[in-house]
Amino acid sequence: MTADALRYDQWIADALSGVVKRALALAASEGLPGDHHFYITFRTTAPGVQMPGHLKARYPEDMTIVLQHQYSDLMVDDVAFSVTLKFQGRSARLAIPFAAMTAFADPSVNFGLQLKPAAPATVQTVGEAPGVKAKPVPAPAIKTAPAAAADDAAEEKKKGEVIALDSFRKKS
């Protein structure tokens, strides 16, 4: 057996991706409990990413989305998730392969992951994996916040920004 047979890097990437998939699947089926909310950063140029042109122009490389109050139709499968979000009052549907994600955080519990995106040659796009079928799960009713522009402001602030995990840790 060669050292190449033990793909620890890929196993770790798969495990971390599995954590994100489980969190999103729970949010899709039951809603976000308590104060939980997700910051998800992804490469907008990655194969399989689907987003409206006006958002692609605004975020040509990376984008951070927030799943908290105003999201709907969250669906999760083995290779990607899709969600409808509001940007400046306009609904937009995004499909994001897990392989395109670079960071995931749930600040309510000081949890965050830095994810290493797959190399371009190995990125799977939505629908490429043989035998994998999307399992649509209806999202809970859209939750509304008093300040609807808050999510848009957070999006603009987080544009291409790397979130340091230390900023979410409680100070003793």
N, C-alpha and C. Protein backbone atom coordinates (compact mmCIF):
# COMPACT_ATOMS: atom_id res chain seq x y z
N MET A 1 0.85 -1.18 0.00
CA MET A 1 0.00 0.00 0.00
C MET A 1 0.90 1.24 0.00
N THR A 2 0.54 2.21 -0.81
CA THR A 2 1.33 3.43 -0.89
C THR A 2 0.71 4.51 -0.01
N ALA A 3 1.49 5.54 0.26
CA ALA A 3 0.99 6.65 1.08
C ALA A 3 -0.20 7.33 0.42
N ASP A 4 -0.27 7.29 -0.92
CA ASP A 4 -1.38 7.92 -1.63
C ASP A 4 -2.72 7.25 -1.33
N ALA A 5 -2.69 5.99 -0.91
CA ALA A 5 -3.92 5.27 -0.62
C ALA A 5 -4.60 5.79 0.64
N LEU A 6 -3.84 6.40 1.52
CA LEU A 6 -4.39 6.96 2.75
C LEU A 6 -4.61 8.45 2.53
N ARG A 7 -5.76 8.80 2.03
CA ARG A 7 -6.09 10.18 1.68
C ARG A 7 -6.70 10.92 2.87
N TYR A 8 -5.88 11.17 3.87
CA TYR A 8 -6.36 11.85 5.07
C TYR A 8 -6.95 13.22 4.74
N ASP A 9 -6.30 13.93 3.84
CA ASP A 9 -6.79 15.25 3.48
C ASP A 9 -8.22 15.19 2.93
N GLN A 10 -8.47 14.20 2.08
CA GLN A 10 -9.81 14.06 1.50
C GLN A 10 -10.81 13.58 2.55
N TRP A 11 -10.38 12.70 3.44
CA TRP A 11 -11.28 12.20 4.49
C TRP A 11 -11.69 13.33 5.42
N ILE A 12 -10.74 14.20 5.75
CA ILE A 12 -11.06 15.33 6.63
C ILE A 12 -12.01 16.30 5.91
N ALA A 13 -11.73 16.58 4.65
CA ALA A 13 -12.61 17.46 3.87
C ALA A 13 -14.02 16.89 3.80
N ASP A 14 -14.13 15.58 3.59
CA ASP A 14 -15.44 14.93 3.54
C ASP A 14 -16.17 15.03 4.89
N ALA A 15 -15.42 14.84 5.98
CA ALA A 15 -16.01 14.91 7.32
C ALA A 15 -16.52 16.32 7.62
N LEU A 16 -15.71 17.33 7.30
CA LEU A 16 -16.12 18.72 7.54
C LEU A 16 -17.33 19.07 6.69
N SER A 17 -17.32 18.65 5.44
CA SER A 17 -18.46 18.88 4.56
C SER A 17 -19.71 18.19 5.13
N GLY A 18 -19.52 17.03 5.72
CA GLY A 18 -20.64 16.30 6.33
C GLY A 18 -21.27 17.06 7.48
N VAL A 19 -20.47 17.77 8.26
CA VAL A 19 -20.99 18.59 9.35
C VAL A 19 -21.89 19.69 8.79
N VAL A 20 -21.43 20.35 7.74
CA VAL A 20 -22.20 21.42 7.12
C VAL A 20 -23.50 20.86 6.53
N LYS A 21 -23.40 19.71 5.84
CA LYS A 21 -24.60 19.10 5.25
C LYS A 21 -25.64 18.79 6.32
N ARG A 22 -25.19 18.24 7.44
CA ARG A 22 -26.13 17.89 8.52
C ARG A 22 -26.79 19.13 9.10
N ALA A 23 -26.00 20.20 9.30
CA ALA A 23 -26.56 21.44 9.85
C ALA A 23 -27.59 22.03 8.90
N LEU A 24 -27.26 22.06 7.61
CA LEU A 24 -28.19 22.61 6.63
C LEU A 24 -29.44 21.73 6.48
N ALA A 25 -29.26 20.41 6.51
CA ALA A 25 -30.41 19.51 6.40
C ALA A 25 -31.36 19.69 7.59
N LEU A 26 -30.80 19.88 8.78
CA LEU A 26 -31.64 20.12 9.95
C LEU A 26 -32.39 21.44 9.81
N ALA A 27 -31.69 22.47 9.34
CA ALA A 27 -32.34 23.77 9.13
C ALA A 27 -33.44 23.67 8.07
N ALA A 28 -33.21 22.85 7.04
CA ALA A 28 -34.21 22.68 5.98
C ALA A 28 -35.45 21.97 6.49
N SER A 29 -35.26 20.98 7.34
CA SER A 29 -36.41 20.19 7.78
C SER A 29 -37.11 20.76 9.01
N GLU A 30 -36.36 21.42 9.90
CA GLU A 30 -36.95 21.87 11.16
C GLU A 30 -36.82 23.36 11.43
N GLY A 31 -36.11 24.07 10.58
CA GLY A 31 -35.85 25.48 10.84
C GLY A 31 -34.63 25.64 11.73
N LEU A 32 -34.20 26.87 11.89
CA LEU A 32 -33.05 27.15 12.73
C LEU A 32 -33.52 27.32 14.17
N PRO A 33 -33.02 26.48 15.08
CA PRO A 33 -33.47 26.59 16.47
C PRO A 33 -32.81 27.77 17.20
N GLY A 34 -33.56 28.38 18.09
CA GLY A 34 -33.02 29.44 18.95
C GLY A 34 -32.37 30.56 18.16
N ASP A 35 -31.16 30.92 18.58
CA ASP A 35 -30.42 32.01 17.95
C ASP A 35 -29.46 31.54 16.86
N HIS A 36 -29.53 30.26 16.50
CA HIS A 36 -28.61 29.74 15.48
C HIS A 36 -28.81 30.47 14.16
N HIS A 37 -27.70 30.74 13.50
CA HIS A 37 -27.71 31.29 12.15
C HIS A 37 -26.37 30.96 11.52
N PHE A 38 -26.35 30.90 10.20
CA PHE A 38 -25.17 30.42 9.48
C PHE A 38 -24.59 31.50 8.59
N TYR A 39 -23.28 31.61 8.61
CA TYR A 39 -22.53 32.39 7.63
C TYR A 39 -21.84 31.37 6.74
N ILE A 40 -22.08 31.45 5.45
CA ILE A 40 -21.50 30.50 4.50
C ILE A 40 -20.77 31.28 3.42
N THR A 41 -19.46 31.03 3.31
CA THR A 41 -18.65 31.69 2.29
C THR A 41 -18.32 30.67 1.22
N PHE A 42 -18.44 31.09 -0.04
CA PHE A 42 -18.17 30.18 -1.16
C PHE A 42 -17.54 30.94 -2.31
N ARG A 43 -16.88 30.18 -3.18
CA ARG A 43 -16.28 30.75 -4.39
C ARG A 43 -17.37 30.85 -5.46
N THR A 44 -17.64 32.04 -5.92
CA THR A 44 -18.69 32.24 -6.93
C THR A 44 -18.26 31.73 -8.30
N THR A 45 -16.95 31.51 -8.49
CA THR A 45 -16.43 31.03 -9.77
C THR A 45 -16.35 29.51 -9.84
N ALA A 46 -16.68 28.83 -8.75
CA ALA A 46 -16.56 27.36 -8.72
C ALA A 46 -17.58 26.71 -9.65
N PRO A 47 -17.20 25.60 -10.27
CA PRO A 47 -18.15 24.87 -11.13
C PRO A 47 -19.40 24.49 -10.35
N GLY A 48 -20.54 24.66 -10.98
CA GLY A 48 -21.81 24.26 -10.38
C GLY A 48 -22.51 25.34 -9.59
N VAL A 49 -21.81 26.44 -9.27
CA VAL A 49 -22.46 27.54 -8.56
C VAL A 49 -23.44 28.21 -9.52
N GLN A 50 -24.67 28.36 -9.05
CA GLN A 50 -25.71 29.01 -9.85
C GLN A 50 -26.23 30.19 -9.06
N MET A 51 -26.17 31.37 -9.69
CA MET A 51 -26.66 32.58 -9.05
C MET A 51 -26.99 33.60 -10.12
N PRO A 52 -27.89 34.55 -9.82
CA PRO A 52 -28.25 35.56 -10.81
C PRO A 52 -27.03 36.39 -11.23
N GLY A 53 -27.07 36.89 -12.46
CA GLY A 53 -25.97 37.66 -13.01
C GLY A 53 -25.63 38.91 -12.22
N HIS A 54 -26.66 39.60 -11.67
CA HIS A 54 -26.38 40.83 -10.92
C HIS A 54 -25.59 40.54 -9.65
N LEU A 55 -25.81 39.37 -9.05
CA LEU A 55 -25.03 39.00 -7.87
C LEU A 55 -23.62 38.55 -8.26
N LYS A 56 -23.52 37.83 -9.37
CA LYS A 56 -22.22 37.40 -9.87
C LYS A 56 -21.34 38.61 -10.17
N ALA A 57 -21.94 39.66 -10.73
CA ALA A 57 -21.19 40.88 -11.04
C ALA A 57 -20.75 41.58 -9.75
N ARG A 58 -21.59 41.54 -8.75
CA ARG A 58 -21.29 42.21 -7.48
C ARG A 58 -20.27 41.43 -6.65
N TYR A 59 -20.28 40.10 -6.78
CA TYR A 59 -19.38 39.23 -6.03
C TYR A 59 -18.65 38.32 -7.02
N PRO A 60 -17.67 38.83 -7.75
CA PRO A 60 -17.04 38.05 -8.83
C PRO A 60 -16.16 36.89 -8.37
N GLU A 61 -15.72 36.88 -7.13
CA GLU A 61 -14.82 35.81 -6.66
C GLU A 61 -15.41 35.00 -5.50
N ASP A 62 -15.77 35.70 -4.43
CA ASP A 62 -16.27 35.07 -3.22
C ASP A 62 -17.51 35.80 -2.74
N MET A 63 -18.33 35.07 -1.99
CA MET A 63 -19.53 35.67 -1.43
C MET A 63 -19.83 34.98 -0.11
N THR A 64 -20.32 35.76 0.85
CA THR A 64 -20.77 35.21 2.12
C THR A 64 -22.26 35.46 2.22
N ILE A 65 -23.01 34.39 2.47
CA ILE A 65 -24.45 34.53 2.66
C ILE A 65 -24.77 34.25 4.12
N VAL A 66 -25.88 34.78 4.56
CA VAL A 66 -26.32 34.58 5.94
C VAL A 66 -27.69 33.92 5.90
N LEU A 67 -27.80 32.78 6.55
CA LEU A 67 -29.10 32.12 6.70
C LEU A 67 -29.56 32.41 8.12
N GLN A 68 -30.54 33.30 8.23
CA GLN A 68 -31.04 33.65 9.54
C GLN A 68 -32.52 33.93 9.49
N HIS A 69 -32.90 35.10 8.99
CA HIS A 69 -34.31 35.49 9.03
C HIS A 69 -35.01 35.35 7.69
N GLN A 70 -34.37 35.78 6.64
CA GLN A 70 -35.07 35.84 5.36
C GLN A 70 -34.47 34.87 4.35
N TYR A 71 -34.88 33.63 4.47
CA TYR A 71 -34.51 32.62 3.49
C TYR A 71 -35.71 31.71 3.31
N SER A 72 -35.76 31.03 2.17
CA SER A 72 -36.84 30.08 1.92
C SER A 72 -36.37 29.02 0.95
N ASP A 73 -37.16 27.98 0.84
CA ASP A 73 -36.91 26.89 -0.11
C ASP A 73 -35.50 26.30 0.02
N LEU A 74 -35.03 26.12 1.24
CA LEU A 74 -33.71 25.51 1.46
C LEU A 74 -33.81 24.02 1.14
N MET A 75 -32.98 23.58 0.18
CA MET A 75 -32.94 22.17 -0.20
C MET A 75 -31.48 21.70 -0.16
N VAL A 76 -31.30 20.48 0.34
CA VAL A 76 -29.96 19.93 0.53
C VAL A 76 -29.90 18.55 -0.09
N ASP A 77 -28.83 18.28 -0.85
CA ASP A 77 -28.60 16.92 -1.33
C ASP A 77 -27.15 16.55 -1.04
N ASP A 78 -26.65 15.49 -1.63
CA ASP A 78 -25.30 15.01 -1.31
C ASP A 78 -24.18 15.89 -1.84
N VAL A 79 -24.43 16.68 -2.88
CA VAL A 79 -23.34 17.47 -3.48
C VAL A 79 -23.54 18.98 -3.37
N ALA A 80 -24.74 19.45 -3.02
CA ALA A 80 -24.99 20.88 -3.02
C ALA A 80 -26.20 21.22 -2.17
N PHE A 81 -26.38 22.52 -1.97
CA PHE A 81 -27.62 23.01 -1.38
C PHE A 81 -28.09 24.20 -2.21
N SER A 82 -29.37 24.48 -2.13
CA SER A 82 -29.91 25.65 -2.81
C SER A 82 -30.85 26.35 -1.84
N VAL A 83 -30.96 27.66 -2.04
CA VAL A 83 -31.75 28.47 -1.13
C VAL A 83 -32.17 29.74 -1.86
N THR A 84 -33.32 30.28 -1.45
CA THR A 84 -33.76 31.56 -1.96
C THR A 84 -33.54 32.59 -0.86
N LEU A 85 -32.84 33.68 -1.23
CA LEU A 85 -32.53 34.76 -0.30
C LEU A 85 -33.01 36.08 -0.89
N LYS A 86 -33.08 37.10 -0.04
CA LYS A 86 -33.45 38.43 -0.51
C LYS A 86 -32.21 39.31 -0.51
N PHE A 87 -32.01 40.02 -1.63
CA PHE A 87 -30.93 40.98 -1.79
C PHE A 87 -31.55 42.29 -2.25
N GLN A 88 -31.45 43.29 -1.40
CA GLN A 88 -32.04 44.60 -1.70
C GLN A 88 -33.51 44.46 -2.10
N GLY A 89 -34.23 43.64 -1.36
CA GLY A 89 -35.65 43.45 -1.58
C GLY A 89 -36.03 42.52 -2.72
N ARG A 90 -35.03 42.00 -3.45
CA ARG A 90 -35.30 41.09 -4.58
C ARG A 90 -34.93 39.66 -4.20
N SER A 91 -35.81 38.73 -4.49
CA SER A 91 -35.53 37.33 -4.24
C SER A 91 -34.55 36.79 -5.27
N ALA A 92 -33.63 35.96 -4.81
CA ALA A 92 -32.64 35.34 -5.71
C ALA A 92 -32.41 33.91 -5.27
N ARG A 93 -32.41 33.01 -6.23
CA ARG A 93 -32.16 31.59 -5.96
C ARG A 93 -30.69 31.30 -6.20
N LEU A 94 -30.04 30.65 -5.22
CA LEU A 94 -28.63 30.28 -5.34
C LEU A 94 -28.51 28.78 -5.17
N ALA A 95 -27.65 28.16 -5.95
CA ALA A 95 -27.30 26.75 -5.80
C ALA A 95 -25.80 26.71 -5.58
N ILE A 96 -25.39 26.08 -4.48
CA ILE A 96 -23.98 26.10 -4.09
C ILE A 96 -23.50 24.69 -3.81
N PRO A 97 -22.59 24.17 -4.63
CA PRO A 97 -21.99 22.86 -4.34
C PRO A 97 -21.16 22.96 -3.06
N PHE A 98 -21.18 21.92 -2.26
CA PHE A 98 -20.37 21.91 -1.04
C PHE A 98 -18.89 22.08 -1.37
N ALA A 99 -18.47 21.61 -2.53
CA ALA A 99 -17.07 21.72 -2.94
C ALA A 99 -16.67 23.18 -3.17
N ALA A 100 -17.63 24.10 -3.33
CA ALA A 100 -17.32 25.51 -3.56
C ALA A 100 -17.16 26.28 -2.25
N MET A 101 -17.59 25.70 -1.13
CA MET A 101 -17.56 26.40 0.15
C MET A 101 -16.15 26.55 0.69
N THR A 102 -15.88 27.72 1.27
CA THR A 102 -14.57 27.96 1.89
C THR A 102 -14.68 28.20 3.39
N ALA A 103 -15.86 28.55 3.89
CA ALA A 103 -16.03 28.76 5.33
C ALA A 103 -17.49 28.58 5.72
N PHE A 104 -17.67 28.13 6.96
CA PHE A 104 -19.01 27.95 7.53
C PHE A 104 -18.90 28.35 9.00
N ALA A 105 -19.85 29.14 9.47
CA ALA A 105 -19.84 29.54 10.87
C ALA A 105 -21.26 29.65 11.41
N ASP A 106 -21.40 29.31 12.69
CA ASP A 106 -22.63 29.54 13.44
C ASP A 106 -22.20 30.35 14.66
N PRO A 107 -22.21 31.68 14.55
CA PRO A 107 -21.71 32.53 15.63
C PRO A 107 -22.46 32.38 16.94
N SER A 108 -23.70 31.89 16.91
CA SER A 108 -24.48 31.78 18.14
C SER A 108 -23.87 30.79 19.12
N VAL A 109 -23.05 29.87 18.62
CA VAL A 109 -22.41 28.88 19.48
C VAL A 109 -20.89 28.87 19.29
N ASN A 110 -20.36 29.95 18.73
CA ASN A 110 -18.92 30.09 18.53
C ASN A 110 -18.33 28.92 17.74
N PHE A 111 -19.03 28.53 16.68
CA PHE A 111 -18.56 27.41 15.86
C PHE A 111 -18.22 27.90 14.47
N GLY A 112 -17.10 27.45 13.94
CA GLY A 112 -16.73 27.81 12.59
C GLY A 112 -15.77 26.81 11.98
N LEU A 113 -15.83 26.70 10.67
CA LEU A 113 -14.94 25.81 9.93
C LEU A 113 -14.32 26.56 8.76
N GLN A 114 -13.05 26.35 8.53
CA GLN A 114 -12.40 26.81 7.30
C GLN A 114 -12.35 25.57 6.41
N LEU A 115 -12.91 25.66 5.24
CA LEU A 115 -12.97 24.52 4.33
C LEU A 115 -12.04 24.76 3.16
N LYS A 116 -11.32 23.74 2.77
CA LYS A 116 -10.45 23.85 1.61
C LYS A 116 -11.25 23.40 0.40
N PRO A 117 -11.48 24.32 -0.54
CA PRO A 117 -12.26 23.93 -1.72
C PRO A 117 -11.51 22.88 -2.54
N ALA A 118 -12.25 22.02 -3.19
CA ALA A 118 -11.65 20.99 -4.02
C ALA A 118 -10.92 21.62 -5.19
N ALA A 119 -9.89 20.94 -5.65
CA ALA A 119 -9.16 21.41 -6.83
C ALA A 119 -10.12 21.43 -8.01
N PRO A 120 -9.97 22.38 -8.93
CA PRO A 120 -10.92 22.50 -10.05
C PRO A 120 -11.14 21.21 -10.82
N ALA A 121 -10.14 20.37 -10.94
CA ALA A 121 -10.29 19.14 -11.70
C ALA A 121 -11.18 18.13 -10.99
N THR A 122 -11.35 18.27 -9.66
CA THR A 122 -12.11 17.28 -8.91
C THR A 122 -13.44 17.81 -8.38
N VAL A 123 -13.78 19.04 -8.69
CA VAL A 123 -15.04 19.61 -8.22
C VAL A 123 -16.20 18.94 -8.94
N GLN A 124 -17.18 18.49 -8.17
CA GLN A 124 -18.38 17.92 -8.77
C GLN A 124 -19.42 19.01 -8.85
N THR A 125 -20.11 19.08 -9.95
CA THR A 125 -21.19 20.04 -10.06
C THR A 125 -22.50 19.36 -9.74
N VAL A 126 -23.50 20.16 -9.50
CA VAL A 126 -24.81 19.62 -9.16
C VAL A 126 -25.28 18.68 -10.25
N GLY A 127 -25.68 17.47 -9.85
CA GLY A 127 -26.21 16.52 -10.81
C GLY A 127 -25.17 15.65 -11.47
N GLU A 128 -23.87 15.84 -11.19
CA GLU A 128 -22.84 15.04 -11.82
C GLU A 128 -22.70 13.65 -11.20
N ALA A 129 -22.90 13.56 -9.90
CA ALA A 129 -22.66 12.29 -9.23
C ALA A 129 -23.70 11.27 -9.68
N PRO A 130 -23.26 10.12 -10.19
CA PRO A 130 -24.22 9.13 -10.66
C PRO A 130 -25.03 8.56 -9.50
N GLY A 131 -26.30 8.43 -9.72
CA GLY A 131 -27.17 7.82 -8.73
C GLY A 131 -27.57 8.73 -7.59
N VAL A 132 -27.09 9.96 -7.53
CA VAL A 132 -27.44 10.86 -6.46
C VAL A 132 -28.64 11.68 -6.90
N LYS A 133 -29.68 11.63 -6.09
CA LYS A 133 -30.90 12.38 -6.41
C LYS A 133 -31.13 13.41 -5.32
N ALA A 134 -31.50 14.59 -5.75
CA ALA A 134 -31.81 15.64 -4.78
C ALA A 134 -33.04 15.25 -3.99
N LYS A 135 -33.00 15.51 -2.71
CA LYS A 135 -34.13 15.25 -1.84
C LYS A 135 -34.65 16.58 -1.36
N PRO A 136 -35.62 17.15 -2.06
CA PRO A 136 -36.12 18.46 -1.64
C PRO A 136 -36.77 18.36 -0.27
N VAL A 137 -36.43 19.29 0.58
CA VAL A 137 -37.01 19.37 1.90
C VAL A 137 -37.55 20.78 2.05
N PRO A 138 -38.83 20.92 2.32
CA PRO A 138 -39.36 22.27 2.43
C PRO A 138 -38.77 22.99 3.63
N ALA A 139 -38.46 24.25 3.45
CA ALA A 139 -37.94 25.08 4.53
C ALA A 139 -39.11 25.60 5.34
N PRO A 140 -38.83 26.03 6.56
CA PRO A 140 -39.90 26.61 7.36
C PRO A 140 -40.35 27.93 6.74
N ALA A 141 -41.45 28.43 7.23
CA ALA A 141 -41.94 29.72 6.73
C ALA A 141 -40.85 30.76 6.91
N ILE A 142 -40.84 31.71 6.01
CA ILE A 142 -39.82 32.77 6.07
C ILE A 142 -40.00 33.55 7.37
N LYS A 143 -38.90 33.70 8.09
CA LYS A 143 -38.92 34.49 9.31
C LYS A 143 -38.58 35.92 8.92
N THR A 144 -39.25 36.86 9.51
CA THR A 144 -38.97 38.25 9.15
C THR A 144 -38.30 38.96 10.31
N ALA A 145 -37.44 39.89 9.96
CA ALA A 145 -36.74 40.70 10.95
C ALA A 145 -37.28 42.12 10.88
N PRO A 146 -37.20 42.86 11.97
CA PRO A 146 -37.67 44.23 11.93
C PRO A 146 -36.95 45.06 10.88
N ALA A 147 -35.66 44.85 10.73
CA ALA A 147 -34.88 45.61 9.74
C ALA A 147 -34.51 44.66 8.62
N ALA A 148 -35.31 44.64 7.55
CA ALA A 148 -35.07 43.72 6.44
C ALA A 148 -33.75 44.00 5.76
N ALA A 149 -33.25 45.22 5.83
CA ALA A 149 -31.99 45.57 5.17
C ALA A 149 -30.79 45.06 5.93
N ALA A 150 -30.98 44.54 7.14
CA ALA A 150 -29.85 44.08 7.95
C ALA A 150 -29.08 42.98 7.26
N ASP A 151 -29.78 42.02 6.64
CA ASP A 151 -29.09 40.94 5.95
C ASP A 151 -28.29 41.46 4.77
N ASP A 152 -28.85 42.42 4.02
CA ASP A 152 -28.13 43.00 2.89
C ASP A 152 -26.89 43.74 3.37
N ALA A 153 -27.01 44.48 4.48
CA ALA A 153 -25.86 45.21 5.02
C ALA A 153 -24.78 44.23 5.46
N ALA A 154 -25.19 43.12 6.07
CA ALA A 154 -24.22 42.11 6.49
C ALA A 154 -23.54 41.51 5.28
N GLU A 155 -24.31 41.29 4.21
CA GLU A 155 -23.72 40.74 2.98
C GLU A 155 -22.66 41.68 2.43
N GLU A 156 -22.98 42.95 2.34
CA GLU A 156 -22.04 43.92 1.78
C GLU A 156 -20.78 43.99 2.63
N LYS A 157 -20.94 43.98 3.96
CA LYS A 157 -19.80 44.06 4.86
C LYS A 157 -18.92 42.83 4.72
N LYS A 158 -19.50 41.66 4.52
CA LYS A 158 -18.76 40.41 4.49
C LYS A 158 -18.20 40.09 3.11
N LYS A 159 -18.41 40.93 2.13
CA LYS A 159 -17.97 40.69 0.76
C LYS A 159 -16.49 40.34 0.71
N GLY A 160 -16.19 39.09 0.44
CA GLY A 160 -14.82 38.65 0.29
C GLY A 160 -14.02 38.64 1.58
N GLU A 161 -14.66 38.85 2.71
CA GLU A 161 -13.96 38.95 3.98
C GLU A 161 -13.83 37.57 4.60
N VAL A 162 -12.65 37.25 5.15
CA VAL A 162 -12.43 36.00 5.86
C VAL A 162 -12.82 36.23 7.31
N ILE A 163 -13.61 35.34 7.84
CA ILE A 163 -14.08 35.48 9.21
C ILE A 163 -13.08 34.77 10.12
N ALA A 164 -12.50 35.47 11.05
CA ALA A 164 -11.59 34.86 12.02
C ALA A 164 -12.43 34.20 13.10
N LEU A 165 -12.14 32.94 13.36
CA LEU A 165 -12.92 32.20 14.36
C LEU A 165 -12.79 32.79 15.75
N ASP A 166 -11.65 33.42 16.04
CA ASP A 166 -11.47 34.01 17.36
C ASP A 166 -12.50 35.09 17.65
N SER A 167 -13.01 35.74 16.62
CA SER A 167 -13.99 36.80 16.84
C SER A 167 -15.31 36.25 17.37
N PHE A 168 -15.54 34.95 17.23
CA PHE A 168 -16.79 34.35 17.72
C PHE A 168 -16.63 33.70 19.09
N ARG A 169 -15.42 33.59 19.56
CA ARG A 169 -15.19 32.95 20.86
C ARG A 169 -15.49 33.94 21.99
N LYS A 170 -16.08 33.43 23.06
CA LYS A 170 -16.37 34.28 24.20
C LYS A 170 -15.08 34.59 24.94
N LYS A 171 -14.95 35.82 25.37
CA LYS A 171 -13.79 36.24 26.14
C LYS A 171 -14.03 35.90 27.59
N SER A 172 -13.01 35.37 28.28
CA SER A 172 -13.21 35.05 29.70
C SER A 172 -12.70 36.13 30.59
